[in-house]
């Protein structure tokens, strides 16, 4: 085997190894984000402000179903109002761009006493950022899904 063939082989091999590591990191981040989105939903459904506080970036901005923009402190205050709901996270799509992730999906939310027949549905877009505290939600926007 010639010297240039060996060099080409080594470069190709190195690139393949580095690419597989990058894909593994994305896969790991994606799994972690899937878990965090579900954890966040459960914390919101049960007014668990301690968990929500850890998962929100300091610059968090929330656009609710009515189009109202809420900053972190105000949203956390609202999230702390007692509630006991069930939440189902659906159709998650996660796109990771370095230390930022764009997540889209849906939620079905209902009260255990009313059951799923009185559920509300929404679609959402979330922006998560990986910083010194780990993955944190930086922005959220929701849209109501109207019943057919």
C-alpha atoms as a PDB file:
ATOM      1  CA  UNK A   1       0.000   0.000   0.000  1.00  0.00           C
ATOM      2  CA  UNK A   2       1.394   3.410  -0.942  1.00  0.00           C
ATOM      3  CA  UNK A   3       2.013   6.169   1.556  1.00  0.00           C
ATOM      4  CA  UNK A   4      -0.750   8.378   0.050  1.00  0.00           C
ATOM      5  CA  UNK A   5      -3.250   5.484   0.186  1.00  0.00           C
ATOM      6  CA  UNK A   6      -2.465   4.951   3.883  1.00  0.00           C
ATOM      7  CA  UNK A   7      -2.811   8.686   4.574  1.00  0.00           C
ATOM      8  CA  UNK A   8      -6.149   8.795   2.723  1.00  0.00           C
ATOM      9  CA  UNK A   9      -7.346   5.752   4.661  1.00  0.00           C
ATOM     10  CA  UNK A  10      -6.343   7.260   8.012  1.00  0.00           C
ATOM     11  CA  UNK A  11      -8.018  10.596   7.236  1.00  0.00           C
ATOM     12  CA  UNK A  12     -11.215   8.856   6.080  1.00  0.00           C
ATOM     13  CA  UNK A  13     -11.202   6.598   9.147  1.00  0.00           C
ATOM     14  CA  UNK A  14     -10.708   9.576  11.497  1.00  0.00           C
ATOM     15  CA  UNK A  15     -13.522  11.541   9.845  1.00  0.00           C
ATOM     16  CA  UNK A  16     -15.862   8.541  10.179  1.00  0.00           C
ATOM     17  CA  UNK A  17     -15.028   8.123  13.871  1.00  0.00           C
ATOM     18  CA  UNK A  18     -15.544  11.841  14.574  1.00  0.00           C
ATOM     19  CA  UNK A  19     -18.848  11.845  12.679  1.00  0.00           C
ATOM     20  CA  UNK A  20     -20.112   8.840  14.663  1.00  0.00           C
ATOM     21  CA  UNK A  21     -19.192  10.586  17.928  1.00  0.00           C
ATOM     22  CA  UNK A  22     -21.094  13.701  16.830  1.00  0.00           C
ATOM     23  CA  UNK A  23     -24.158  11.607  15.958  1.00  0.00           C
ATOM     24  CA  UNK A  24     -23.952   9.809  19.300  1.00  0.00           C
ATOM     25  CA  UNK A  25     -23.798  13.160  21.115  1.00  0.00           C
ATOM     26  CA  UNK A  26     -26.848  14.405  19.189  1.00  0.00           C
ATOM     27  CA  UNK A  27     -28.681  11.186  20.000  1.00  0.00           C
ATOM     28  CA  UNK A  28     -27.811  11.529  23.688  1.00  0.00           C
ATOM     29  CA  UNK A  29     -28.887  15.181  23.711  1.00  0.00           C
ATOM     30  CA  UNK A  30     -32.100  14.294  21.899  1.00  0.00           C
ATOM     31  CA  UNK A  31     -32.951  11.605  24.454  1.00  0.00           C
ATOM     32  CA  UNK A  32     -32.181  13.994  27.298  1.00  0.00           C
ATOM     33  CA  UNK A  33     -34.353  16.719  25.748  1.00  0.00           C
ATOM     34  CA  UNK A  34     -37.263  14.297  25.240  1.00  0.00           C
ATOM     35  CA  UNK A  35     -37.051  13.436  28.912  1.00  0.00           C
ATOM     36  CA  UNK A  36     -36.777  17.088  29.979  1.00  0.00           C
ATOM     37  CA  UNK A  37     -39.803  18.151  27.898  1.00  0.00           C
ATOM     38  CA  UNK A  38     -41.895  15.445  29.575  1.00  0.00           C
ATOM     39  CA  UNK A  39     -40.492  16.308  33.014  1.00  0.00           C
ATOM     40  CA  UNK A  40     -41.297  19.980  32.397  1.00  0.00           C
ATOM     41  CA  UNK A  41     -44.883  19.132  31.401  1.00  0.00           C
ATOM     42  CA  UNK A  42     -45.416  17.018  34.497  1.00  0.00           C
ATOM     43  CA  UNK A  43     -43.960  19.746  36.729  1.00  0.00           C
ATOM     44  CA  UNK A  44     -46.295  22.327  35.173  1.00  0.00           C
ATOM     45  CA  UNK A  45     -49.331  20.028  35.487  1.00  0.00           C
ATOM     46  CA  UNK A  46     -48.650  19.640  39.228  1.00  0.00           C
ATOM     47  CA  UNK A  47     -47.454  23.190  40.005  1.00  0.00           C
ATOM     48  CA  UNK A  48     -43.924  22.021  40.849  1.00  0.00           C
ATOM     49  CA  UNK A  49     -42.196  25.409  40.743  1.00  0.00           C
ATOM     50  CA  UNK A  50     -38.896  24.024  42.076  1.00  0.00           C
ATOM     51  CA  UNK A  51     -38.473  21.793  39.016  1.00  0.00           C
ATOM     52  CA  UNK A  52     -39.704  24.487  36.637  1.00  0.00           C
ATOM     53  CA  UNK A  53     -37.278  26.999  38.125  1.00  0.00           C
ATOM     54  CA  UNK A  54     -34.316  24.692  37.379  1.00  0.00           C
ATOM     55  CA  UNK A  55     -35.465  24.053  33.811  1.00  0.00           C
ATOM     56  CA  UNK A  56     -36.054  27.682  32.824  1.00  0.00           C
ATOM     57  CA  UNK A  57     -33.262  29.855  31.448  1.00  0.00           C
ATOM     58  CA  UNK A  58     -32.846  33.232  33.198  1.00  0.00           C
ATOM     59  CA  UNK A  59     -34.042  35.026  30.030  1.00  0.00           C
ATOM     60  CA  UNK A  60     -37.139  32.805  29.602  1.00  0.00           C
ATOM     61  CA  UNK A  61     -39.998  34.239  27.544  1.00  0.00           C
ATOM     62  CA  UNK A  62     -43.409  32.563  27.271  1.00  0.00           C
ATOM     63  CA  UNK A  63     -46.096  33.341  24.689  1.00  0.00           C
ATOM     64  CA  UNK A  64     -49.371  31.804  25.834  1.00  0.00           C
ATOM     65  CA  UNK A  65     -52.435  30.616  23.907  1.00  0.00           C
ATOM     66  CA  UNK A  66     -53.921  34.126  23.934  1.00  0.00           C
ATOM     67  CA  UNK A  67     -50.719  35.631  22.535  1.00  0.00           C
ATOM     68  CA  UNK A  68     -49.709  37.257  25.820  1.00  0.00           C
ATOM     69  CA  UNK A  69     -45.977  37.486  26.411  1.00  0.00           C
ATOM     70  CA  UNK A  70     -44.815  36.611  29.910  1.00  0.00           C
ATOM     71  CA  UNK A  71     -41.324  36.882  31.349  1.00  0.00           C
ATOM     72  CA  UNK A  72     -39.794  34.250  33.603  1.00  0.00           C
ATOM     73  CA  UNK A  73     -40.718  35.597  37.069  1.00  0.00           C
ATOM     74  CA  UNK A  74     -44.348  36.299  36.157  1.00  0.00           C
ATOM     75  CA  UNK A  75     -44.780  32.949  34.400  1.00  0.00           C
ATOM     76  CA  UNK A  76     -43.326  31.062  37.379  1.00  0.00           C
ATOM     77  CA  UNK A  77     -45.789  32.866  39.656  1.00  0.00           C
ATOM     78  CA  UNK A  78     -48.677  31.726  37.434  1.00  0.00           C
ATOM     79  CA  UNK A  79     -47.261  28.198  37.185  1.00  0.00           C
ATOM     80  CA  UNK A  80     -47.275  27.989  40.988  1.00  0.00           C
ATOM     81  CA  UNK A  81     -51.050  28.299  41.247  1.00  0.00           C
ATOM     82  CA  UNK A  82     -52.343  24.948  42.533  1.00  0.00           C
ATOM     83  CA  UNK A  83     -53.572  22.562  39.878  1.00  0.00           C
ATOM     84  CA  UNK A  84     -53.749  18.844  39.347  1.00  0.00           C
ATOM     85  CA  UNK A  85     -53.850  18.023  35.687  1.00  0.00           C
ATOM     86  CA  UNK A  86     -52.711  15.214  33.469  1.00  0.00           C
ATOM     87  CA  UNK A  87     -50.578  16.023  30.439  1.00  0.00           C
ATOM     88  CA  UNK A  88     -49.596  13.944  27.459  1.00  0.00           C
ATOM     89  CA  UNK A  89     -46.699  15.009  25.230  1.00  0.00           C
ATOM     90  CA  UNK A  90     -47.121  14.042  21.579  1.00  0.00           C
ATOM     91  CA  UNK A  91     -45.353  14.257  18.225  1.00  0.00           C
ATOM     92  CA  UNK A  92     -42.026  15.574  19.508  1.00  0.00           C
ATOM     93  CA  UNK A  93     -39.578  16.680  16.856  1.00  0.00           C
ATOM     94  CA  UNK A  94     -36.183  17.812  18.057  1.00  0.00           C
ATOM     95  CA  UNK A  95     -33.660  19.689  15.942  1.00  0.00           C
ATOM     96  CA  UNK A  96     -30.310  20.359  17.584  1.00  0.00           C
ATOM     97  CA  UNK A  97     -28.018  23.134  16.359  1.00  0.00           C
ATOM     98  CA  UNK A  98     -24.912  23.088  18.549  1.00  0.00           C
ATOM     99  CA  UNK A  99     -25.986  24.286  22.006  1.00  0.00           C
ATOM    100  CA  UNK A 100     -29.531  25.196  20.902  1.00  0.00           C
ATOM    101  CA  UNK A 101     -32.487  22.911  20.255  1.00  0.00           C
ATOM    102  CA  UNK A 102     -35.739  23.730  18.485  1.00  0.00           C
ATOM    103  CA  UNK A 103     -38.534  21.444  19.654  1.00  0.00           C
ATOM    104  CA  UNK A 104     -42.042  21.159  18.266  1.00  0.00           C
ATOM    105  CA  UNK A 105     -44.841  18.938  19.478  1.00  0.00           C
ATOM    106  CA  UNK A 106     -48.240  18.814  21.059  1.00  0.00           C
ATOM    107  CA  UNK A 107     -49.922  18.436  24.420  1.00  0.00           C
ATOM    108  CA  UNK A 108     -53.229  16.987  25.464  1.00  0.00           C
ATOM    109  CA  UNK A 109     -54.185  18.319  28.899  1.00  0.00           C
ATOM    110  CA  UNK A 110     -57.097  17.199  31.070  1.00  0.00           C
ATOM    111  CA  UNK A 111     -58.313  17.126  34.639  1.00  0.00           C
ATOM    112  CA  UNK A 112     -58.503  13.624  36.162  1.00  0.00           C
ATOM    113  CA  UNK A 113     -61.988  14.406  37.497  1.00  0.00           C
ATOM    114  CA  UNK A 114     -63.251  15.398  34.018  1.00  0.00           C
ATOM    115  CA  UNK A 115     -61.391  12.760  32.003  1.00  0.00           C
ATOM    116  CA  UNK A 116     -60.070  12.971  28.481  1.00  0.00           C
ATOM    117  CA  UNK A 117     -63.483  13.858  27.044  1.00  0.00           C
ATOM    118  CA  UNK A 118     -62.901  17.440  28.261  1.00  0.00           C
ATOM    119  CA  UNK A 119     -59.264  17.601  27.184  1.00  0.00           C
ATOM    120  CA  UNK A 120     -57.686  20.618  25.573  1.00  0.00           C
ATOM    121  CA  UNK A 121     -55.070  20.227  22.873  1.00  0.00           C
ATOM    122  CA  UNK A 122     -52.287  22.518  21.804  1.00  0.00           C
ATOM    123  CA  UNK A 123     -49.255  22.602  19.536  1.00  0.00           C
ATOM    124  CA  UNK A 124     -46.040  24.189  20.748  1.00  0.00           C
ATOM    125  CA  UNK A 125     -42.637  25.420  19.725  1.00  0.00           C
ATOM    126  CA  UNK A 126     -39.902  25.483  22.335  1.00  0.00           C
ATOM    127  CA  UNK A 127     -36.354  26.775  22.242  1.00  0.00           C
ATOM    128  CA  UNK A 128     -33.908  25.072  24.616  1.00  0.00           C
ATOM    129  CA  UNK A 129     -30.330  26.151  25.234  1.00  0.00           C
ATOM    130  CA  UNK A 130     -27.458  24.132  26.665  1.00  0.00           C
ATOM    131  CA  UNK A 131     -25.545  26.349  29.097  1.00  0.00           C
ATOM    132  CA  UNK A 132     -23.524  25.902  32.295  1.00  0.00           C
ATOM    133  CA  UNK A 133     -26.699  24.656  34.042  1.00  0.00           C
ATOM    134  CA  UNK A 134     -27.393  22.045  31.352  1.00  0.00           C
ATOM    135  CA  UNK A 135     -30.384  22.162  28.997  1.00  0.00           C
ATOM    136  CA  UNK A 136     -32.865  24.916  29.881  1.00  0.00           C
ATOM    137  CA  UNK A 137     -36.004  26.117  28.154  1.00  0.00           C
ATOM    138  CA  UNK A 138     -35.483  29.641  26.872  1.00  0.00           C
ATOM    139  CA  UNK A 139     -38.705  30.283  24.924  1.00  0.00           C
ATOM    140  CA  UNK A 140     -42.160  28.782  24.440  1.00  0.00           C
ATOM    141  CA  UNK A 141     -45.098  29.523  22.157  1.00  0.00           C
ATOM    142  CA  UNK A 142     -48.404  27.643  22.087  1.00  0.00           C
ATOM    143  CA  UNK A 143     -51.308  27.458  19.671  1.00  0.00           C
ATOM    144  CA  UNK A 144     -54.721  25.972  20.463  1.00  0.00           C
ATOM    145  CA  UNK A 145     -55.850  23.010  18.390  1.00  0.00           C
ATOM    146  CA  UNK A 146     -59.537  23.484  17.701  1.00  0.00           C
ATOM    147  CA  UNK A 147     -61.860  20.505  17.983  1.00  0.00           C
ATOM    148  CA  UNK A 148     -63.065  19.141  14.670  1.00  0.00           C
END
